[in-house]
Amino acid sequence: MAKKITRGDGWELIPAGGAEPDKKRPGWTAPPAEQRIRVREEKRAQGKIVTVASGFRMSEADLKTLAKDLKAHCGAGGTAEGDTIEVQGRHQAKVVARLERAGFGVV
């Protein structure tokens, strides 16, 4: 089981047993500084607007935790699945600011 160790502005993944993390394993999370996230707004059925952030390389649990934080920050609902987080409404500026503050590279 890997542990997250906080150091300064970001964090580092320290695998159990000292082995290198397997980047292809589904439970592996890349450090935020190594990720490039694309944020855009999409129009859905009945004219609803959704802010979509995609390109995350992280475990499902970490993605859901980040989605919960983004939804709370925007005061909206949403979902997280695959490598995408969706937040209901027009919140592109808020999502970009929050991700950049967390150390993610936003495109």
PDB file of N, CA and C in Angstrom:
ATOM      1  N   MET A   1       0.844  -1.176   0.000  1.00  0.00           N
ATOM      2  CA  MET A   1       0.000   0.000   0.000  1.00  0.00           C
ATOM      3  C   MET A   1       0.885   1.234   0.000  1.00  0.00           C
ATOM      4  N   ALA A   2       0.640   2.145  -0.889  1.00  0.00           N
ATOM      5  CA  ALA A   2       1.448   3.354  -0.992  1.00  0.00           C
ATOM      6  C   ALA A   2       0.954   4.416  -0.021  1.00  0.00           C
ATOM      7  N   LYS A   3       1.870   5.301   0.373  1.00  0.00           N
ATOM      8  CA  LYS A   3       1.525   6.403   1.260  1.00  0.00           C
ATOM      9  C   LYS A   3       1.805   7.712   0.545  1.00  0.00           C
ATOM     10  N   LYS A   4       1.004   8.748   0.834  1.00  0.00           N
ATOM     11  CA  LYS A   4       1.261  10.085   0.316  1.00  0.00           C
ATOM     12  C   LYS A   4       2.006  10.863   1.387  1.00  0.00           C
ATOM     13  N   ILE A   5       3.117  11.444   1.012  1.00  0.00           N
ATOM     14  CA  ILE A   5       3.905  12.236   1.934  1.00  0.00           C
ATOM     15  C   ILE A   5       3.866  13.680   1.434  1.00  0.00           C
ATOM     16  N   THR A   6       3.454  14.605   2.298  1.00  0.00           N
ATOM     17  CA  THR A   6       3.381  16.008   1.917  1.00  0.00           C
ATOM     18  C   THR A   6       4.747  16.647   2.076  1.00  0.00           C
ATOM     19  N   ARG A   7       5.161  17.387   1.047  1.00  0.00           N
ATOM     20  CA  ARG A   7       6.427  18.105   1.093  1.00  0.00           C
ATOM     21  C   ARG A   7       6.241  19.425   0.369  1.00  0.00           C
ATOM     22  N   GLY A   8       6.216  20.519   1.084  1.00  0.00           N
ATOM     23  CA  GLY A   8       6.111  21.834   0.469  1.00  0.00           C
ATOM     24  C   GLY A   8       4.781  22.020  -0.236  1.00  0.00           C
ATOM     25  N   ASP A   9       4.830  22.516  -1.483  1.00  0.00           N
ATOM     26  CA  ASP A   9       3.622  22.820  -2.245  1.00  0.00           C
ATOM     27  C   ASP A   9       2.948  21.582  -2.814  1.00  0.00           C
ATOM     28  N   GLY A  10       3.684  20.534  -3.093  1.00  0.00           N
ATOM     29  CA  GLY A  10       3.102  19.341  -3.709  1.00  0.00           C
ATOM     30  C   GLY A  10       3.194  18.156  -2.788  1.00  0.00           C
ATOM     31  N   TRP A  11       3.135  16.967  -3.349  1.00  0.00           N
ATOM     32  CA  TRP A  11       3.276  15.765  -2.556  1.00  0.00           C
ATOM     33  C   TRP A  11       3.961  14.717  -3.398  1.00  0.00           C
ATOM     34  N   GLU A  12       4.432  13.703  -2.738  1.00  0.00           N
ATOM     35  CA  GLU A  12       5.171  12.643  -3.404  1.00  0.00           C
ATOM     36  C   GLU A  12       4.568  11.305  -3.016  1.00  0.00           C
ATOM     37  N   LEU A  13       4.485  10.391  -3.967  1.00  0.00           N
ATOM     38  CA  LEU A  13       3.947   9.065  -3.700  1.00  0.00           C
ATOM     39  C   LEU A  13       5.087   8.154  -3.291  1.00  0.00           C
ATOM     40  N   ILE A  14       5.041   7.638  -2.089  1.00  0.00           N
ATOM     41  CA  ILE A  14       6.064   6.736  -1.574  1.00  0.00           C
ATOM     42  C   ILE A  14       5.456   5.336  -1.508  1.00  0.00           C
ATOM     43  N   PRO A  15       5.851   4.424  -2.403  1.00  0.00           N
ATOM     44  CA  PRO A  15       5.282   3.077  -2.398  1.00  0.00           C
ATOM     45  C   PRO A  15       5.778   2.265  -1.205  1.00  0.00           C
ATOM     46  N   ALA A  16       4.956   1.340  -0.767  1.00  0.00           N
ATOM     47  CA  ALA A  16       5.333   0.446   0.322  1.00  0.00           C
ATOM     48  C   ALA A  16       6.454  -0.465  -0.150  1.00  0.00           C
ATOM     49  N   GLY A  17       7.380  -0.740   0.703  1.00  0.00           N
ATOM     50  CA  GLY A  17       8.476  -1.633   0.349  1.00  0.00           C
ATOM     51  C   GLY A  17       9.589  -0.967  -0.432  1.00  0.00           C
ATOM     52  N   GLY A  18       9.484   0.317  -0.720  1.00  0.00           N
ATOM     53  CA  GLY A  18      10.542   1.041  -1.406  1.00  0.00           C
ATOM     54  C   GLY A  18      10.619   0.801  -2.896  1.00  0.00           C
ATOM     55  N   ALA A  19       9.715   0.030  -3.471  1.00  0.00           N
ATOM     56  CA  ALA A  19       9.751  -0.235  -4.910  1.00  0.00           C
ATOM     57  C   ALA A  19       9.232   0.976  -5.677  1.00  0.00           C
ATOM     58  N   GLU A  20       9.614   1.074  -6.922  1.00  0.00           N
ATOM     59  CA  GLU A  20       9.115   2.153  -7.779  1.00  0.00           C
ATOM     60  C   GLU A  20       7.636   1.930  -8.064  1.00  0.00           C
ATOM     61  N   PRO A  21       6.821   3.009  -8.130  1.00  0.00           N
ATOM     62  CA  PRO A  21       5.400   2.834  -8.415  1.00  0.00           C
ATOM     63  C   PRO A  21       5.187   2.363  -9.850  1.00  0.00           C
ATOM     64  N   ASP A  22       4.202   1.497 -10.044  1.00  0.00           N
ATOM     65  CA  ASP A  22       3.853   0.993 -11.367  1.00  0.00           C
ATOM     66  C   ASP A  22       2.850   1.943 -11.993  1.00  0.00           C
ATOM     67  N   LYS A  23       3.272   2.711 -13.000  1.00  0.00           N
ATOM     68  CA  LYS A  23       2.430   3.744 -13.604  1.00  0.00           C
ATOM     69  C   LYS A  23       1.226   3.182 -14.345  1.00  0.00           C
ATOM     70  N   LYS A  24       1.243   1.902 -14.656  1.00  0.00           N
ATOM     71  CA  LYS A  24       0.115   1.301 -15.384  1.00  0.00           C
ATOM     72  C   LYS A  24      -0.922   0.713 -14.433  1.00  0.00           C
ATOM     73  N   ARG A  25      -0.593   0.619 -13.153  1.00  0.00           N
ATOM     74  CA  ARG A  25      -1.511   0.082 -12.166  1.00  0.00           C
ATOM     75  C   ARG A  25      -2.641   1.080 -11.916  1.00  0.00           C
ATOM     76  N   PRO A  26      -3.898   0.635 -11.856  1.00  0.00           N
ATOM     77  CA  PRO A  26      -5.017   1.556 -11.715  1.00  0.00           C
ATOM     78  C   PRO A  26      -5.011   2.376 -10.434  1.00  0.00           C
ATOM     79  N   GLY A  27      -4.379   1.921  -9.365  1.00  0.00           N
ATOM     80  CA  GLY A  27      -4.377   2.648  -8.109  1.00  0.00           C
ATOM     81  C   GLY A  27      -3.289   3.699  -8.011  1.00  0.00           C
ATOM     82  N   TRP A  28      -2.515   3.880  -9.062  1.00  0.00           N
ATOM     83  CA  TRP A  28      -1.395   4.803  -9.037  1.00  0.00           C
ATOM     84  C   TRP A  28      -1.845   6.214  -9.377  1.00  0.00           C
ATOM     85  N   THR A  29      -1.313   7.212  -8.663  1.00  0.00           N
ATOM     86  CA  THR A  29      -1.630   8.605  -8.903  1.00  0.00           C
ATOM     87  C   THR A  29      -0.357   9.366  -9.244  1.00  0.00           C
ATOM     88  N   ALA A  30      -0.365  10.044 -10.385  1.00  0.00           N
ATOM     89  CA  ALA A  30       0.783  10.860 -10.780  1.00  0.00           C
ATOM     90  C   ALA A  30       0.779  12.160  -9.978  1.00  0.00           C
ATOM     91  N   PRO A  31       1.942  12.702  -9.654  1.00  0.00           N
ATOM     92  CA  PRO A  31       1.994  13.984  -8.947  1.00  0.00           C
ATOM     93  C   PRO A  31       1.307  15.080  -9.772  1.00  0.00           C
ATOM     94  N   PRO A  32       0.665  16.035  -9.131  1.00  0.00           N
ATOM     95  CA  PRO A  32      -0.061  17.086  -9.861  1.00  0.00           C
ATOM     96  C   PRO A  32       0.800  17.847 -10.858  1.00  0.00           C
ATOM     97  N   ALA A  33       2.062  18.093 -10.537  1.00  0.00           N
ATOM     98  CA  ALA A  33       2.925  18.865 -11.432  1.00  0.00           C
ATOM     99  C   ALA A  33       3.175  18.146 -12.754  1.00  0.00           C
ATOM    100  N   GLU A  34       3.024  16.824 -12.784  1.00  0.00           N
ATOM    101  CA  GLU A  34       3.251  16.050 -14.005  1.00  0.00           C
ATOM    102  C   GLU A  34       1.990  15.868 -14.840  1.00  0.00           C
ATOM    103  N   GLN A  35       0.862  16.403 -14.385  1.00  0.00           N
ATOM    104  CA  GLN A  35      -0.398  16.212 -15.100  1.00  0.00           C
ATOM    105  C   GLN A  35      -0.786  17.485 -15.851  1.00  0.00           C
ATOM    106  N   ARG A  36      -1.342  17.325 -17.033  1.00  0.00           N
ATOM    107  CA  ARG A  36      -1.849  18.440 -17.840  1.00  0.00           C
ATOM    108  C   ARG A  36      -3.345  18.239 -17.987  1.00  0.00           C
ATOM    109  N   ILE A  37      -4.122  19.138 -17.398  1.00  0.00           N
ATOM    110  CA  ILE A  37      -5.571  19.011 -17.350  1.00  0.00           C
ATOM    111  C   ILE A  37      -6.213  20.001 -18.310  1.00  0.00           C
ATOM    112  N   ARG A  38      -7.190  19.537 -19.051  1.00  0.00           N
ATOM    113  CA  ARG A  38      -7.939  20.383 -19.986  1.00  0.00           C
ATOM    114  C   ARG A  38      -9.291  20.694 -19.350  1.00  0.00           C
ATOM    115  N   VAL A  39      -9.635  21.988 -19.274  1.00  0.00           N
ATOM    116  CA  VAL A  39     -10.898  22.414 -18.682  1.00  0.00           C
ATOM    117  C   VAL A  39     -11.701  23.139 -19.754  1.00  0.00           C
ATOM    118  N   ARG A  40     -12.968  22.729 -19.928  1.00  0.00           N
ATOM    119  CA  ARG A  40     -13.834  23.345 -20.933  1.00  0.00           C
ATOM    120  C   ARG A  40     -15.279  23.293 -20.453  1.00  0.00           C
ATOM    121  N   GLU A  41     -16.136  24.056 -21.109  1.00  0.00           N
ATOM    122  CA  GLU A  41     -17.565  24.022 -20.815  1.00  0.00           C
ATOM    123  C   GLU A  41     -18.275  23.362 -21.987  1.00  0.00           C
ATOM    124  N   GLU A  42     -19.231  22.494 -21.674  1.00  0.00           N
ATOM    125  CA  GLU A  42     -20.003  21.796 -22.700  1.00  0.00           C
ATOM    126  C   GLU A  42     -21.483  22.043 -22.478  1.00  0.00           C
ATOM    127  N   LYS A  43     -22.227  22.063 -23.564  1.00  0.00           N
ATOM    128  CA  LYS A  43     -23.673  22.202 -23.484  1.00  0.00           C
ATOM    129  C   LYS A  43     -24.276  20.808 -23.564  1.00  0.00           C
ATOM    130  N   ARG A  44     -25.154  20.500 -22.624  1.00  0.00           N
ATOM    131  CA  ARG A  44     -25.790  19.188 -22.568  1.00  0.00           C
ATOM    132  C   ARG A  44     -27.261  19.290 -22.939  1.00  0.00           C
ATOM    133  N   ALA A  45     -27.992  18.228 -22.713  1.00  0.00           N
ATOM    134  CA  ALA A  45     -29.422  18.170 -23.027  1.00  0.00           C
ATOM    135  C   ALA A  45     -30.177  19.287 -22.306  1.00  0.00           C
ATOM    136  N   GLN A  46     -31.224  19.767 -22.910  1.00  0.00           N
ATOM    137  CA  GLN A  46     -32.059  20.850 -22.399  1.00  0.00           C
ATOM    138  C   GLN A  46     -31.266  22.136 -22.155  1.00  0.00           C
ATOM    139  N   GLY A  47     -30.143  22.303 -22.859  1.00  0.00           N
ATOM    140  CA  GLY A  47     -29.361  23.531 -22.776  1.00  0.00           C
ATOM    141  C   GLY A  47     -28.550  23.703 -21.508  1.00  0.00           C
ATOM    142  N   LYS A  48     -28.370  22.647 -20.729  1.00  0.00           N
ATOM    143  CA  LYS A  48     -27.609  22.729 -19.478  1.00  0.00           C
ATOM    144  C   LYS A  48     -26.112  22.846 -19.790  1.00  0.00           C
ATOM    145  N   ILE A  49     -25.406  23.667 -19.017  1.00  0.00           N
ATOM    146  CA  ILE A  49     -23.968  23.848 -19.182  1.00  0.00           C
ATOM    147  C   ILE A  49     -23.249  23.045 -18.101  1.00  0.00           C
ATOM    148  N   VAL A  50     -22.170  22.342 -18.495  1.00  0.00           N
ATOM    149  CA  VAL A  50     -21.365  21.541 -17.576  1.00  0.00           C
ATOM    150  C   VAL A  50     -19.902  21.915 -17.791  1.00  0.00           C
ATOM    151  N   THR A  51     -19.167  22.131 -16.705  1.00  0.00           N
ATOM    152  CA  THR A  51     -17.732  22.373 -16.777  1.00  0.00           C
ATOM    153  C   THR A  51     -17.035  21.022 -16.657  1.00  0.00           C
ATOM    154  N   VAL A  52     -16.194  20.698 -17.645  1.00  0.00           N
ATOM    155  CA  VAL A  52     -15.541  19.389 -17.708  1.00  0.00           C
ATOM    156  C   VAL A  52     -14.028  19.564 -17.592  1.00  0.00           C
ATOM    157  N   ALA A  53     -13.423  18.881 -16.635  1.00  0.00           N
ATOM    158  CA  ALA A  53     -11.966  18.836 -16.481  1.00  0.00           C
ATOM    159  C   ALA A  53     -11.539  17.405 -16.792  1.00  0.00           C
ATOM    160  N   SER A  54     -10.658  17.238 -17.767  1.00  0.00           N
ATOM    161  CA  SER A  54     -10.265  15.883 -18.175  1.00  0.00           C
ATOM    162  C   SER A  54      -8.752  15.761 -18.279  1.00  0.00           C
ATOM    163  N   GLY A  55      -8.285  14.509 -18.283  1.00  0.00           N
ATOM    164  CA  GLY A  55      -6.873  14.216 -18.418  1.00  0.00           C
ATOM    165  C   GLY A  55      -6.190  13.857 -17.110  1.00  0.00           C
ATOM    166  N   PHE A  56      -6.973  13.564 -16.082  1.00  0.00           N
ATOM    167  CA  PHE A  56      -6.385  13.210 -14.791  1.00  0.00           C
ATOM    168  C   PHE A  56      -5.766  11.823 -14.856  1.00  0.00           C
ATOM    169  N   ARG A  57      -4.588  11.667 -14.254  1.00  0.00           N
ATOM    170  CA  ARG A  57      -3.929  10.369 -14.123  1.00  0.00           C
ATOM    171  C   ARG A  57      -3.816  10.076 -12.636  1.00  0.00           C
ATOM    172  N   MET A  58      -4.920   9.545 -12.082  1.00  0.00           N
ATOM    173  CA  MET A  58      -4.948   9.261 -10.650  1.00  0.00           C
ATOM    174  C   MET A  58      -5.916   8.133 -10.358  1.00  0.00           C
ATOM    175  N   SER A  59      -5.804   7.608  -9.171  1.00  0.00           N
ATOM    176  CA  SER A  59      -6.684   6.520  -8.762  1.00  0.00           C
ATOM    177  C   SER A  59      -8.120   7.034  -8.652  1.00  0.00           C
ATOM    178  N   GLU A  60      -9.047   6.118  -8.704  1.00  0.00           N
ATOM    179  CA  GLU A  60     -10.476   6.466  -8.633  1.00  0.00           C
ATOM    180  C   GLU A  60     -10.795   7.167  -7.313  1.00  0.00           C
ATOM    181  N   ALA A  61     -10.206   6.699  -6.223  1.00  0.00           N
ATOM    182  CA  ALA A  61     -10.462   7.308  -4.911  1.00  0.00           C
ATOM    183  C   ALA A  61      -9.955   8.748  -4.858  1.00  0.00           C
ATOM    184  N   ASP A  62      -8.740   8.984  -5.390  1.00  0.00           N
ATOM    185  CA  ASP A  62      -8.186  10.336  -5.402  1.00  0.00           C
ATOM    186  C   ASP A  62      -8.996  11.252  -6.313  1.00  0.00           C
ATOM    187  N   LEU A  63      -9.478  10.715  -7.437  1.00  0.00           N
ATOM    188  CA  LEU A  63     -10.289  11.504  -8.370  1.00  0.00           C
ATOM    189  C   LEU A  63     -11.601  11.927  -7.705  1.00  0.00           C
ATOM    190  N   LYS A  64     -12.226  11.016  -6.989  1.00  0.00           N
ATOM    191  CA  LYS A  64     -13.482  11.336  -6.302  1.00  0.00           C
ATOM    192  C   LYS A  64     -13.262  12.371  -5.193  1.00  0.00           C
ATOM    193  N   THR A  65     -12.140  12.289  -4.500  1.00  0.00           N
ATOM    194  CA  THR A  65     -11.821  13.262  -3.461  1.00  0.00           C
ATOM    195  C   THR A  65     -11.614  14.648  -4.067  1.00  0.00           C
ATOM    196  N   LEU A  66     -10.886  14.716  -5.180  1.00  0.00           N
ATOM    197  CA  LEU A  66     -10.673  15.991  -5.864  1.00  0.00           C
ATOM    198  C   LEU A  66     -11.986  16.545  -6.397  1.00  0.00           C
ATOM    199  N   ALA A  67     -12.844  15.677  -6.942  1.00  0.00           N
ATOM    200  CA  ALA A  67     -14.146  16.117  -7.451  1.00  0.00           C
ATOM    201  C   ALA A  67     -14.990  16.698  -6.328  1.00  0.00           C
ATOM    202  N   LYS A  68     -14.960  16.068  -5.168  1.00  0.00           N
ATOM    203  CA  LYS A  68     -15.725  16.564  -4.022  1.00  0.00           C
ATOM    204  C   LYS A  68     -15.249  17.959  -3.637  1.00  0.00           C
ATOM    205  N   ASP A  69     -13.936  18.178  -3.656  1.00  0.00           N
ATOM    206  CA  ASP A  69     -13.383  19.485  -3.330  1.00  0.00           C
ATOM    207  C   ASP A  69     -13.796  20.535  -4.367  1.00  0.00           C
ATOM    208  N   LEU A  70     -13.715  20.188  -5.654  1.00  0.00           N
ATOM    209  CA  LEU A  70     -14.098  21.133  -6.708  1.00  0.00           C
ATOM    210  C   LEU A  70     -15.580  21.478  -6.642  1.00  0.00           C
ATOM    211  N   LYS A  71     -16.425  20.484  -6.411  1.00  0.00           N
ATOM    212  CA  LYS A  71     -17.867  20.725  -6.317  1.00  0.00           C
ATOM    213  C   LYS A  71     -18.197  21.626  -5.128  1.00  0.00           C
ATOM    214  N   ALA A  72     -17.535  21.402  -4.001  1.00  0.00           N
ATOM    215  CA  ALA A  72     -17.766  22.231  -2.822  1.00  0.00           C
ATOM    216  C   ALA A  72     -17.299  23.664  -3.069  1.00  0.00           C
ATOM    217  N   HIS A  73     -16.161  23.804  -3.738  1.00  0.00           N
ATOM    218  CA  HIS A  73     -15.625  25.135  -4.042  1.00  0.00           C
ATOM    219  C   HIS A  73     -16.562  25.914  -4.962  1.00  0.00           C
ATOM    220  N   CYS A  74     -17.175  25.225  -5.912  1.00  0.00           N
ATOM    221  CA  CYS A  74     -18.079  25.875  -6.873  1.00  0.00           C
ATOM    222  C   CYS A  74     -19.516  25.955  -6.355  1.00  0.00           C
ATOM    223  N   GLY A  75     -19.828  25.203  -5.320  1.00  0.00           N
ATOM    224  CA  GLY A  75     -21.194  25.187  -4.798  1.00  0.00           C
ATOM    225  C   GLY A  75     -22.160  24.558  -5.781  1.00  0.00           C
ATOM    226  N   ALA A  76     -21.728  23.458  -6.395  1.00  0.00           N
ATOM    227  CA  ALA A  76     -22.536  22.797  -7.423  1.00  0.00           C
ATOM    228  C   ALA A  76     -22.393  21.288  -7.309  1.00  0.00           C
ATOM    229  N   GLY A  77     -23.244  20.586  -8.029  1.00  0.00           N
ATOM    230  CA  GLY A  77     -23.162  19.138  -8.095  1.00  0.00           C
ATOM    231  C   GLY A  77     -22.226  18.727  -9.208  1.00  0.00           C
ATOM    232  N   GLY A  78     -22.055  17.437  -9.366  1.00  0.00           N
ATOM    233  CA  GLY A  78     -21.197  16.940 -10.428  1.00  0.00           C
ATOM    234  C   GLY A  78     -20.904  15.474 -10.252  1.00  0.00           C
ATOM    235  N   THR A  79     -19.927  14.996 -11.032  1.00  0.00           N
ATOM    236  CA  THR A  79     -19.561  13.592 -10.995  1.00  0.00           C
ATOM    237  C   THR A  79     -18.096  13.425 -11.376  1.00  0.00           C
ATOM    238  N   ALA A  80     -17.540  12.253 -11.062  1.00  0.00           N
ATOM    239  CA  ALA A  80     -16.170  11.902 -11.439  1.00  0.00           C
ATOM    240  C   ALA A  80     -16.167  10.465 -11.908  1.00  0.00           C
ATOM    241  N   GLU A  81     -15.657  10.242 -13.117  1.00  0.00           N
ATOM    242  CA  GLU A  81     -15.519   8.875 -13.626  1.00  0.00           C
ATOM    243  C   GLU A  81     -14.455   8.847 -14.699  1.00  0.00           C
ATOM    244  N   GLY A  82     -13.747   7.717 -14.754  1.00  0.00           N
ATOM    245  CA  GLY A  82     -12.662   7.584 -15.725  1.00  0.00           C
ATOM    246  C   GLY A  82     -11.532   8.547 -15.398  1.00  0.00           C
ATOM    247  N   ASP A  83     -11.229   9.456 -16.324  1.00  0.00           N
ATOM    248  CA  ASP A  83     -10.211  10.480 -16.085  1.00  0.00           C
ATOM    249  C   ASP A  83     -10.821  11.875 -16.137  1.00  0.00           C
ATOM    250  N   THR A  84     -12.136  11.981 -15.867  1.00  0.00           N
ATOM    251  CA  THR A  84     -12.871  13.225 -16.036  1.00  0.00           C
ATOM    252  C   THR A  84     -13.659  13.595 -14.781  1.00  0.00           C
ATOM    253  N   ILE A  85     -13.692  14.905 -14.507  1.00  0.00           N
ATOM    254  CA  ILE A  85     -14.545  15.451 -13.459  1.00  0.00           C
ATOM    255  C   ILE A  85     -15.493  16.435 -14.127  1.00  0.00           C
ATOM    256  N   GLU A  86     -16.792  16.298 -13.855  1.00  0.00           N
ATOM    257  CA  GLU A  86     -17.799  17.212 -14.383  1.00  0.00           C
ATOM    258  C   GLU A  86     -18.430  17.978 -13.226  1.00  0.00           C
ATOM    259  N   VAL A  87     -18.531  19.307 -13.373  1.00  0.00           N
ATOM    260  CA  VAL A  87     -19.170  20.161 -12.377  1.00  0.00           C
ATOM    261  C   VAL A  87     -20.324  20.864 -13.083  1.00  0.00           C
ATOM    262  N   GLN A  88     -21.503  20.798 -12.507  1.00  0.00           N
ATOM    263  CA  GLN A  88     -22.681  21.395 -13.126  1.00  0.00           C
ATOM    264  C   GLN A  88     -22.587  22.912 -13.098  1.00  0.00           C
ATOM    265  N   GLY A  89     -22.815  23.532 -14.259  1.00  0.00           N
ATOM    266  CA  GLY A  89     -22.830  24.988 -14.358  1.00  0.00           C
ATOM    267  C   GLY A  89     -21.582  25.557 -14.997  1.00  0.00           C
ATOM    268  N   ARG A  90     -21.573  26.899 -15.108  1.00  0.00           N
ATOM    269  CA  ARG A  90     -20.439  27.623 -15.696  1.00  0.00           C
ATOM    270  C   ARG A  90     -19.442  27.978 -14.593  1.00  0.00           C
ATOM    271  N   HIS A  91     -18.446  27.138 -14.420  1.00  0.00           N
ATOM    272  CA  HIS A  91     -17.468  27.336 -13.347  1.00  0.00           C
ATOM    273  C   HIS A  91     -16.040  27.173 -13.855  1.00  0.00           C
ATOM    274  N   GLN A  92     -15.799  27.451 -15.128  1.00  0.00           N
ATOM    275  CA  GLN A  92     -14.488  27.209 -15.707  1.00  0.00           C
ATOM    276  C   GLN A  92     -13.387  27.991 -14.973  1.00  0.00           C
ATOM    277  N   ALA A  93     -13.606  29.259 -14.688  1.00  0.00           N
ATOM    278  CA  ALA A  93     -12.579  30.075 -14.030  1.00  0.00           C
ATOM    279  C   ALA A  93     -12.286  29.558 -12.619  1.00  0.00           C
ATOM    280  N   LYS A  94     -13.324  29.187 -11.874  1.00  0.00           N
ATOM    281  CA  LYS A  94     -13.133  28.675 -10.520  1.00  0.00           C
ATOM    282  C   LYS A  94     -12.374  27.351 -10.525  1.00  0.00           C
ATOM    283  N   VAL A  95     -12.737  26.464 -11.460  1.00  0.00           N
ATOM    284  CA  VAL A  95     -12.085  25.149 -11.541  1.00  0.00           C
ATOM    285  C   VAL A  95     -10.622  25.308 -11.920  1.00  0.00           C
ATOM    286  N   VAL A  96     -10.337  26.167 -12.910  1.00  0.00           N
ATOM    287  CA  VAL A  96      -8.952  26.395 -13.340  1.00  0.00           C
ATOM    288  C   VAL A  96      -8.127  26.957 -12.177  1.00  0.00           C
ATOM    289  N   ALA A  97      -8.673  27.948 -11.479  1.00  0.00           N
ATOM    290  CA  ALA A  97      -7.944  28.551 -10.352  1.00  0.00           C
ATOM    291  C   ALA A  97      -7.662  27.525  -9.254  1.00  0.00           C
ATOM    292  N   ARG A  98      -8.652  26.702  -8.937  1.00  0.00           N
ATOM    293  CA  ARG A  98      -8.486  25.709  -7.866  1.00  0.00           C
ATOM    294  C   ARG A  98      -7.458  24.650  -8.272  1.00  0.00           C
ATOM    295  N   LEU A  99      -7.488  24.187  -9.522  1.00  0.00           N
ATOM    296  CA  LEU A  99      -6.523  23.176  -9.973  1.00  0.00           C
ATOM    297  C   LEU A  99      -5.111  23.739 -10.016  1.00  0.00           C
ATOM    298  N   GLU A 100      -4.957  24.979 -10.488  1.00  0.00           N
ATOM    299  CA  GLU A 100      -3.635  25.590 -10.526  1.00  0.00           C
ATOM    300  C   GLU A 100      -3.083  25.771  -9.116  1.00  0.00           C
ATOM    301  N   ARG A 101      -3.951  26.143  -8.179  1.00  0.00           N
ATOM    302  CA  ARG A 101      -3.536  26.305  -6.786  1.00  0.00           C
ATOM    303  C   ARG A 101      -3.086  24.977  -6.182  1.00  0.00           C
ATOM    304  N   ALA A 102      -3.684  23.870  -6.650  1.00  0.00           N
ATOM    305  CA  ALA A 102      -3.314  22.544  -6.168  1.00  0.00           C
ATOM    306  C   ALA A 102      -2.051  22.013  -6.862  1.00  0.00           C
ATOM    307  N   GLY A 103      -1.542  22.742  -7.855  1.00  0.00           N
ATOM    308  CA  GLY A 103      -0.299  22.342  -8.514  1.00  0.00           C
ATOM    309  C   GLY A 103      -0.455  21.650  -9.844  1.00  0.00           C
ATOM    310  N   PHE A 104      -1.701  21.510 -10.343  1.00  0.00           N
ATOM    311  CA  PHE A 104      -1.915  20.875 -11.637  1.00  0.00           C
ATOM    312  C   PHE A 104      -1.591  21.849 -12.766  1.00  0.00           C
ATOM    313  N   GLY A 105      -1.091  21.309 -13.874  1.00  0.00           N
ATOM    314  CA  GLY A 105      -0.889  22.119 -15.069  1.00  0.00           C
ATOM    315  C   GLY A 105      -2.189  22.132 -15.852  1.00  0.00           C
ATOM    316  N   VAL A 106      -2.736  23.326 -16.083  1.00  0.00           N
ATOM    317  CA  VAL A 106      -4.020  23.432 -16.775  1.00  0.00           C
ATOM    318  C   VAL A 106      -3.778  23.993 -18.171  1.00  0.00           C
ATOM    319  N   VAL A 107      -4.330  23.303 -19.168  1.00  0.00           N
ATOM    320  CA  VAL A 107      -4.182  23.708 -20.565  1.00  0.00           C
ATOM    321  C   VAL A 107      -5.416  24.455 -21.002  1.00  0.00           C
TER     322      VAL A 107
END
